[in-house]
Protein backbone atom coordinates (compact mmCIF):
# COMPACT_ATOMS: atom_id res chain seq x y z
CA MET A 1 94.10 70.22 72.95
CA ASP A 2 97.77 70.34 74.02
CA GLU A 3 100.55 72.66 72.80
CA THR A 4 104.22 72.51 73.81
CA TYR A 5 106.60 75.45 74.23
CA ASP A 6 109.98 76.22 75.70
CA VAL A 7 108.32 78.90 77.87
CA VAL A 8 104.72 79.81 78.60
CA VAL A 9 104.19 83.34 79.90
CA VAL A 10 100.99 84.09 81.80
CA GLY A 11 100.28 87.82 81.46
CA ALA A 12 100.97 89.88 78.34
CA ARG A 13 101.48 93.39 79.64
CA CYS A 14 104.62 95.31 80.69
CA ALA A 15 106.59 92.36 82.03
CA GLY A 16 105.18 89.45 80.06
CA SER A 17 105.24 90.69 76.47
CA PRO A 18 108.80 92.12 76.60
CA LEU A 19 110.05 88.88 78.22
CA ALA A 20 108.34 86.82 75.52
CA MET A 21 109.67 89.12 72.80
CA LEU A 22 113.25 88.87 74.02
CA LEU A 23 113.11 85.08 74.34
CA ALA A 24 111.46 84.69 70.93
CA ARG A 25 114.18 86.85 69.40
CA ARG A 26 116.67 84.33 70.80
CA GLY A 27 114.90 81.58 68.90
CA TYR A 28 112.81 79.95 71.65
CA ARG A 29 109.22 78.85 71.18
CA VAL A 30 107.19 81.05 73.51
CA GLY A 31 103.49 80.99 74.26
CA VAL A 32 101.79 83.95 75.94
CA VAL A 33 98.29 84.01 77.43
CA ASP A 34 96.25 86.83 78.91
CA ARG A 35 92.67 87.21 80.08
CA ALA A 36 92.43 90.55 78.29
CA GLU A 37 91.96 91.37 74.65
CA PHE A 38 94.27 94.04 73.27
CA PRO A 39 94.15 96.97 73.07
CA SER A 40 92.67 97.26 76.55
CA ASP A 41 93.23 99.31 79.67
CA THR A 42 94.51 98.34 83.10
CA ILE A 43 95.15 100.12 86.39
CA SER A 44 98.60 101.66 86.14
CA THR A 45 100.90 104.52 87.07
CA HIS A 46 101.63 105.01 83.32
CA LEU A 47 104.96 106.80 83.79
CA LEU A 48 108.01 105.69 81.83
CA HIS A 49 110.99 107.03 83.75
CA PRO A 50 114.11 107.45 81.56
CA PRO A 51 115.45 103.92 82.33
CA ALA A 52 112.19 102.49 80.94
CA VAL A 53 112.49 104.77 77.92
CA ASP A 54 116.01 103.45 77.41
CA ALA A 55 114.69 99.88 77.46
CA LEU A 56 112.17 100.69 74.72
CA ARG A 57 115.01 102.24 72.73
CA ARG A 58 117.15 99.10 73.10
CA TRP A 59 114.22 96.95 71.95
CA GLY A 60 113.55 99.13 68.90
CA LEU A 61 110.10 100.18 70.17
CA LEU A 62 110.60 103.77 71.34
CA ASP A 63 109.86 105.31 67.94
CA GLN A 64 106.50 103.51 67.90
CA VAL A 65 105.56 104.98 71.28
CA VAL A 66 106.67 108.47 70.25
CA ALA A 67 104.75 108.16 66.97
CA THR A 68 101.48 107.73 68.90
CA GLY A 69 101.72 111.37 69.95
CA CYS A 70 102.61 110.74 73.56
CA PRO A 71 104.09 114.05 74.79
CA PRO A 72 107.62 114.07 76.28
CA ILE A 73 108.24 115.08 79.89
CA HIS A 74 111.43 117.07 80.42
CA THR A 75 110.99 118.31 84.02
CA TYR A 76 109.95 116.74 87.33
CA ALA A 77 108.77 119.25 89.98
CA PHE A 78 108.05 118.58 93.67
CA ASP A 79 106.14 121.22 95.63
CA PHE A 80 106.34 120.68 99.40
CA GLY A 81 104.73 124.05 100.17
CA PRO A 82 107.60 126.27 101.29
CA ILE A 83 110.07 124.10 99.35
CA VAL A 84 110.01 123.49 95.58
CA ILE A 85 112.46 121.18 93.82
CA ALA A 86 112.52 120.93 90.03
CA GLY A 87 114.93 119.40 87.55
CA PRO A 88 115.36 116.98 84.67
CA PRO A 89 114.52 113.29 85.17
CA GLY A 90 117.45 112.01 83.16
CA ASP A 91 120.93 112.65 81.85
CA PRO A 92 121.66 114.71 78.72
CA ASP A 93 121.86 111.57 76.56
CA SER A 94 118.56 110.24 77.95
CA ALA A 95 116.67 113.21 79.31
CA THR A 96 113.03 112.47 78.61
CA ALA A 97 110.19 110.59 80.30
CA TYR A 98 106.77 109.68 78.86
CA CYS A 99 103.34 108.88 80.27
CA PRO A 100 101.58 106.68 77.69
CA ARG A 101 98.07 105.33 78.11
CA ARG A 102 98.26 101.60 78.75
CA ILE A 103 95.69 101.02 76.03
CA VAL A 104 98.43 102.26 73.67
CA LEU A 105 101.64 100.98 75.28
CA ASP A 106 100.48 97.43 75.96
CA LYS A 107 99.26 96.94 72.40
CA ILE A 108 102.70 97.97 71.11
CA LEU A 109 104.35 95.47 73.46
CA VAL A 110 101.99 92.62 72.54
CA ASP A 111 102.44 93.27 68.82
CA ALA A 112 106.23 93.31 69.28
CA ALA A 113 106.08 89.90 70.97
CA VAL A 114 104.00 88.52 68.08
CA ALA A 115 106.33 90.07 65.48
CA SER A 116 109.27 88.38 67.22
CA GLY A 117 107.64 84.96 66.91
CA ALA A 118 105.80 84.51 70.21
CA GLU A 119 102.31 82.97 70.03
CA VAL A 120 99.87 85.16 71.95
CA ARG A 121 96.45 83.91 73.06
CA GLU A 122 94.10 86.66 74.19
CA ARG A 123 90.96 86.16 76.30
CA PHE A 124 92.59 83.06 77.80
CA SER A 125 91.93 82.30 81.48
CA VAL A 126 94.35 80.06 83.38
CA SER A 127 92.61 77.68 85.76
CA ASP A 128 95.63 75.82 87.15
CA VAL A 129 99.25 74.85 86.64
CA VAL A 130 100.22 71.41 85.37
CA LEU A 131 102.48 69.47 87.74
CA GLU A 132 104.63 66.40 87.23
CA ASP A 133 106.60 65.08 90.22
CA GLY A 134 106.22 68.46 91.93
CA VAL A 135 107.58 70.41 88.94
CA VAL A 136 105.45 72.92 87.04
CA CYS A 137 105.39 71.88 83.40
CA GLY A 138 102.55 73.91 81.95
CA VAL A 139 99.20 75.59 82.51
CA ARG A 140 95.63 74.55 81.97
CA GLY A 141 92.89 76.97 80.96
CA HIS A 142 90.35 77.94 78.36
CA GLY A 143 90.05 80.48 75.59
CA PRO A 144 87.03 82.42 74.32
CA ASP A 145 85.39 79.28 72.88
CA GLY A 146 85.31 77.69 76.34
CA GLY A 147 87.22 74.54 75.43
CA GLU A 148 89.92 73.40 77.85
CA VAL A 149 93.49 73.80 76.62
CA THR A 150 96.73 72.54 78.13
CA LEU A 151 99.90 74.45 77.30
CA ARG A 152 103.01 72.52 78.28
CA ALA A 153 106.42 74.14 78.72
CA ARG A 154 109.85 73.65 80.18
CA ILE A 155 109.27 76.79 82.26
CA VAL A 156 106.12 78.73 83.17
CA VAL A 157 106.49 82.45 83.86
CA GLY A 158 103.93 84.33 85.94
CA ALA A 159 103.73 87.92 84.69
CA ASP A 160 100.13 88.26 85.82
CA GLY A 161 100.35 91.08 88.33
CA VAL A 162 99.42 91.63 91.95
CA HIS A 163 96.68 88.98 91.91
CA SER A 164 98.95 86.45 90.19
CA ARG A 165 97.25 83.12 89.50
CA ILE A 166 100.67 81.51 89.07
CA ALA A 167 102.03 82.86 92.38
CA ASP A 168 98.96 81.57 94.18
CA ALA A 169 99.08 78.18 92.47
CA VAL A 170 102.72 77.52 93.41
CA GLY A 171 102.49 79.09 96.88
CA ALA A 172 105.20 81.68 96.24
CA GLU A 173 106.43 83.01 99.58
CA ILE A 174 105.91 86.70 100.35
CA TYR A 175 108.59 88.54 102.33
CA ARG A 176 109.26 92.15 103.31
CA GLU A 177 105.50 92.65 103.20
CA VAL A 178 104.12 96.06 104.26
CA PRO A 179 100.38 96.85 104.25
CA PRO A 180 99.07 99.50 101.81
CA GLN A 181 99.94 103.03 102.90
CA LEU A 182 97.84 105.14 100.53
CA ALA A 183 94.57 104.84 98.62
CA PRO A 184 95.43 106.25 95.17
CA TYR A 185 92.93 107.23 92.48
CA TYR A 186 93.41 108.71 89.02
CA SER A 187 91.46 109.96 86.03
CA TYR A 188 91.99 111.87 82.77
CA PHE A 189 91.23 115.54 82.23
CA SER A 190 91.04 117.85 79.24
CA GLY A 191 91.84 121.53 79.55
CA LEU A 192 94.76 121.02 81.93
CA PRO A 193 97.96 121.53 79.88
CA LEU A 194 101.35 120.87 81.49
CA ASP A 195 103.92 121.77 78.78
CA GLY A 196 106.29 118.88 79.45
CA VAL A 197 106.32 119.16 83.25
CA PHE A 198 105.43 116.40 85.72
CA PRO A 199 104.36 118.39 88.83
CA ASN A 200 103.86 116.83 92.27
CA TRP A 201 102.38 118.37 95.39
CA ILE A 202 102.99 117.07 98.93
CA ARG A 203 100.89 118.48 101.74
CA GLY A 204 100.98 116.65 105.07
CA ASP A 205 99.23 113.29 104.68
CA TYR A 206 98.25 114.02 101.07
CA GLY A 207 100.00 113.98 97.74
CA TRP A 208 98.97 114.34 94.13
CA ALA A 209 100.48 114.79 90.69
CA ALA A 210 99.60 115.49 87.08
CA LEU A 211 101.13 114.01 83.93
CA PRO A 212 100.62 114.78 80.23
CA THR A 213 99.41 111.81 78.21
CA HIS A 214 97.77 110.97 74.88
CA ASP A 215 95.07 112.99 73.10
CA ASP A 216 95.88 116.27 74.91
CA LEU A 217 94.72 114.71 78.17
CA THR A 218 96.29 115.06 81.59
CA LEU A 219 96.42 112.22 84.09
CA VAL A 220 95.63 113.50 87.58
CA VAL A 221 96.53 111.07 90.35
CA GLY A 222 96.35 111.54 94.09
CA GLY A 223 95.63 109.76 97.29
CA TRP A 224 95.06 109.82 100.99
CA PRO A 225 95.90 107.48 103.87
CA VAL A 226 94.17 104.10 103.67
CA ALA A 227 92.28 104.93 106.87
CA GLU A 228 90.45 107.69 104.97
CA MET A 229 89.55 105.59 101.91
CA THR A 230 85.99 104.71 102.94
CA ALA A 231 85.15 108.30 103.89
CA ASN A 232 86.46 109.71 100.60
CA ARG A 233 85.62 107.20 97.87
CA ASP A 234 81.91 108.06 97.55
CA ASP A 235 82.73 111.60 96.42
CA ILE A 236 86.22 111.49 94.96
CA ASP A 237 85.84 114.79 93.08
CA GLY A 238 84.80 116.60 96.25
CA SER A 239 87.44 114.83 98.34
CA PHE A 240 90.19 115.84 95.94
CA ARG A 241 88.97 119.42 95.84
CA ARG A 242 89.36 119.56 99.61
CA VAL A 243 92.90 118.17 99.27
CA PHE A 244 93.82 120.46 96.35
CA ALA A 245 92.72 123.51 98.34
CA ALA A 246 96.18 123.36 99.92
CA ALA A 247 97.53 124.49 96.53
CA PRO A 248 94.98 127.09 95.33
CA GLU A 249 96.62 127.68 91.95
CA PHE A 250 96.26 124.01 91.04
CA LEU A 251 92.72 123.85 92.44
CA ASP A 252 91.71 126.70 90.12
CA ARG A 253 93.14 124.85 87.13
CA PHE A 254 91.51 121.59 88.24
CA ASN A 255 88.11 123.27 88.58
CA ALA A 256 88.42 124.71 85.06
CA ALA A 257 89.31 121.32 83.54
CA THR A 258 86.90 118.59 82.42
CA ARG A 259 87.11 115.03 83.71
CA GLU A 260 86.88 112.63 80.76
CA ALA A 261 86.76 109.25 82.57
CA ARG A 262 85.75 107.73 85.87
CA TRP A 263 88.15 107.66 88.80
CA THR A 264 90.17 104.43 89.02
CA GLY A 265 92.35 103.00 91.75
CA PHE A 266 92.80 100.86 94.85
CA PRO A 267 95.29 100.52 97.73
CA VAL A 268 98.46 98.75 96.62
CA PRO A 269 100.30 96.25 98.84
CA ASN A 270 104.06 96.29 99.22
CA TYR A 271 106.04 93.04 99.02
CA PHE A 272 108.75 90.90 97.55
CA ARG A 273 107.85 87.33 96.53
CA THR A 274 110.11 84.37 95.99
CA SER A 275 110.58 84.63 92.24
CA TYR A 276 111.28 81.04 91.22
CA GLY A 277 110.74 77.39 92.05
CA PRO A 278 110.61 74.03 90.26
CA GLY A 279 109.57 74.92 86.73
CA TRP A 280 108.21 78.42 87.49
CA VAL A 281 109.37 82.05 87.56
CA LEU A 282 107.67 85.32 88.56
CA VAL A 283 108.37 88.70 86.98
CA GLY A 284 106.92 92.19 87.29
CA ASP A 285 104.23 92.94 89.87
CA ALA A 286 103.72 89.22 90.43
CA GLY A 287 107.10 89.11 92.15
CA TYR A 288 107.73 92.60 93.49
CA LEU A 289 105.36 95.49 94.14
CA LYS A 290 105.34 98.79 96.00
CA ASP A 291 103.15 101.86 96.44
CA PRO A 292 102.68 103.69 93.12
CA ILE A 293 103.62 107.10 94.54
CA THR A 294 107.10 106.94 92.95
CA ALA A 295 105.70 105.35 89.75
CA HIS A 296 108.38 102.69 89.18
CA GLY A 297 106.13 99.78 88.22
CA ILE A 298 106.70 99.84 84.47
CA LYS A 299 110.42 100.53 84.81
CA ASP A 300 110.77 97.57 87.17
CA ALA A 301 108.70 95.33 84.90
CA PHE A 302 110.99 96.16 81.97
CA ARG A 303 114.05 95.47 84.14
CA ASP A 304 112.62 92.08 85.12
CA ALA A 305 111.86 91.28 81.48
CA GLU A 306 115.45 91.88 80.39
CA ALA A 307 117.10 90.20 83.37
CA GLY A 308 114.61 87.32 83.31
CA ALA A 309 115.09 86.72 79.59
CA ALA A 310 118.88 86.62 80.04
CA ALA A 311 118.62 84.18 82.95
CA LEU A 312 116.12 81.94 81.15
CA ASP A 313 118.26 81.94 78.02
CA ALA A 314 121.17 80.67 80.12
CA VAL A 315 118.94 77.91 81.49
CA LEU A 316 117.27 76.88 78.24
CA SER A 317 120.59 76.83 76.36
CA GLY A 318 122.11 74.54 78.99
CA GLU A 319 124.67 77.13 80.01
CA ARG A 320 123.56 77.29 83.66
CA PRO A 321 121.42 75.21 86.04
CA PHE A 322 117.92 76.59 86.64
CA ASP A 323 118.30 77.14 90.38
CA GLU A 324 121.64 78.89 90.01
CA ALA A 325 120.51 81.27 87.28
CA MET A 326 117.18 82.12 88.88
CA ALA A 327 118.66 82.58 92.37
CA GLU A 328 120.98 85.18 90.85
CA PHE A 329 118.02 86.79 89.05
CA GLN A 330 116.09 87.08 92.33
CA GLN A 331 119.11 88.40 94.24
CA GLU A 332 119.78 91.05 91.60
CA ARG A 333 116.11 92.05 91.60
CA ASP A 334 116.06 92.41 95.39
CA THR A 335 119.35 94.30 95.50
CA ALA A 336 118.24 96.69 92.76
CA GLY A 337 114.72 97.10 94.11
CA ALA A 338 115.25 97.41 97.88
CA PRO A 339 116.52 101.03 98.04
CA MET A 340 113.61 102.42 95.98
CA PHE A 341 111.22 100.14 97.91
CA ASP A 342 112.38 101.71 101.19
CA PHE A 343 112.35 105.25 99.80
CA THR A 344 108.86 104.76 98.37
CA LEU A 345 107.49 103.55 101.70
CA GLN A 346 109.03 106.57 103.40
CA VAL A 347 107.37 108.91 100.89
CA ALA A 348 104.02 107.08 101.14
CA SER A 349 103.89 106.92 104.93
CA PRO A 350 101.32 109.29 106.51
CA GLY A 351 102.48 112.61 107.85
CA PRO A 352 104.93 115.27 106.67
CA PRO A 353 108.60 114.46 106.09
CA PRO A 354 110.63 114.27 109.33
CA PRO A 355 112.63 117.40 110.27
CA GLU A 356 115.94 116.01 109.03
CA MET A 357 114.41 115.25 105.64
CA LEU A 358 112.84 118.70 105.45
CA ALA A 359 116.24 120.22 106.20
CA LEU A 360 117.79 118.20 103.40
CA LEU A 361 115.00 119.09 100.96
CA GLY A 362 115.39 122.76 101.80
CA ALA A 363 119.10 122.54 101.09
CA VAL A 364 118.45 120.69 97.83
CA ALA A 365 116.06 123.42 96.67
CA GLY A 366 118.81 126.02 96.90
CA SER A 367 121.11 124.28 94.42
CA PRO A 368 120.30 123.50 90.76
CA GLU A 369 122.86 120.67 90.86
CA SER A 370 121.21 119.13 93.92
CA CYS A 371 117.74 119.60 92.42
CA SER A 372 118.90 117.64 89.39
CA GLN A 373 120.29 114.93 91.63
CA PHE A 374 116.97 114.65 93.50
CA THR A 375 114.81 114.44 90.36
CA ARG A 376 117.17 111.94 88.75
CA MET A 377 117.08 109.87 91.95
CA TRP A 378 113.27 109.89 91.91
CA ALA A 379 113.37 108.76 88.29
CA GLY A 380 115.69 105.84 89.05
CA VAL A 381 118.60 107.28 87.07
CA LEU A 382 120.74 108.13 90.12
CA PRO A 383 120.73 105.25 92.64
CA VAL A 384 118.95 106.06 95.90
CA PRO A 385 121.98 105.04 98.04
CA GLU A 386 124.20 107.38 96.03
CA PHE A 387 121.92 110.37 96.64
CA PHE A 388 121.59 109.64 100.37
CA ALA A 389 125.25 108.73 100.87
CA PRO A 390 126.68 110.65 103.86
CA ASP A 391 129.27 112.42 101.70
CA ASN A 392 126.62 113.64 99.25
CA VAL A 393 124.18 114.70 101.98
CA GLY A 394 127.03 116.52 103.71
CA ARG A 395 127.93 118.31 100.49
CA ILE A 396 124.34 119.42 99.95
CA LEU A 397 123.91 120.72 103.51
CA ALA A 398 127.29 122.42 103.49
CA GLY A 399 126.43 124.15 100.22
CA ALA A 400 123.21 125.50 101.74
CA ALA A 401 125.07 126.76 104.82
CA ALA A 402 127.83 128.49 102.87
CA PRO A 403 127.52 132.29 102.46
CA ALA A 404 126.26 133.45 99.08
């Protein structure tokens, strides 16, 4: 059986469904396929930094997320031991973050794509891309009944994550690749209230955090260097207790809480991939991925969805040539993503912050304005280059050196 679309999107989660929704709202015929059935879970950082919240607001979906009972997060806090930095993640007009379960968020996104006119096929496995004269013009796969189906399209979008079938099939080039730095794991706990705060602890080679999520649960996530993964994964509870001992107050709260799910996680690679080629495009983790320690995956997927939909609209409408529009899309993605990519790798690298960074963090901690700048930078609201600009760093250090 064959079906024909303007665009076929492979992957229906945080990049694929919003992209399909936005294209369908523009009047294009969009097909979406995913191996999963929704609602369903997936490995994820969960956090919606304020720019991701703003995207949901623009799409008319934020009220649905809030209505699920997902608690708001109004403060980010970073405990480096002798230094503590806390402040809001956003600006006054967009001050809140959220940490929704993916079993909730992804279902909202899929339903929004369907409501906009996209045709979503769940439990559909892609076996290969369809090629004509070296140009991708569809995908071949099978649904739950096992029968082979060919979905033809002017453009195929791979939104299928780190193990992207589309990226593999087209041989998308990887560049700026860095091996995994940390082995992160997370689970959900009851009896560990946070009252709207997203606390982080950094102790030498180790870091962990806690985030409020649905059903009065708290997501606890932490990790250790990849070299320690094998030694720690057989007893993750015990391994984390040894790590958390560096912050006794949190360890006491952790010991009093109840784990409600198994530990989940794996080391995450860091890379950029070529995001387009003849008849194909990559968005989300399929095209760009970094360590989850700064939790920008969903925000970046939403950014790709909006920028990708605008570029594809220009192509499909005949306004711009494919290569021109998609080259600009990739360049904008790389320009926007590179500073946080570099900052994330610095945070994820083993060992304590270098002395110059510790000096800056100590100066930040002494100024509420600088604390707000740091938390907003972490959240992607203040650009990383703006925070670390020499003039701003100089201002922060001078403020710390000035007499009270």
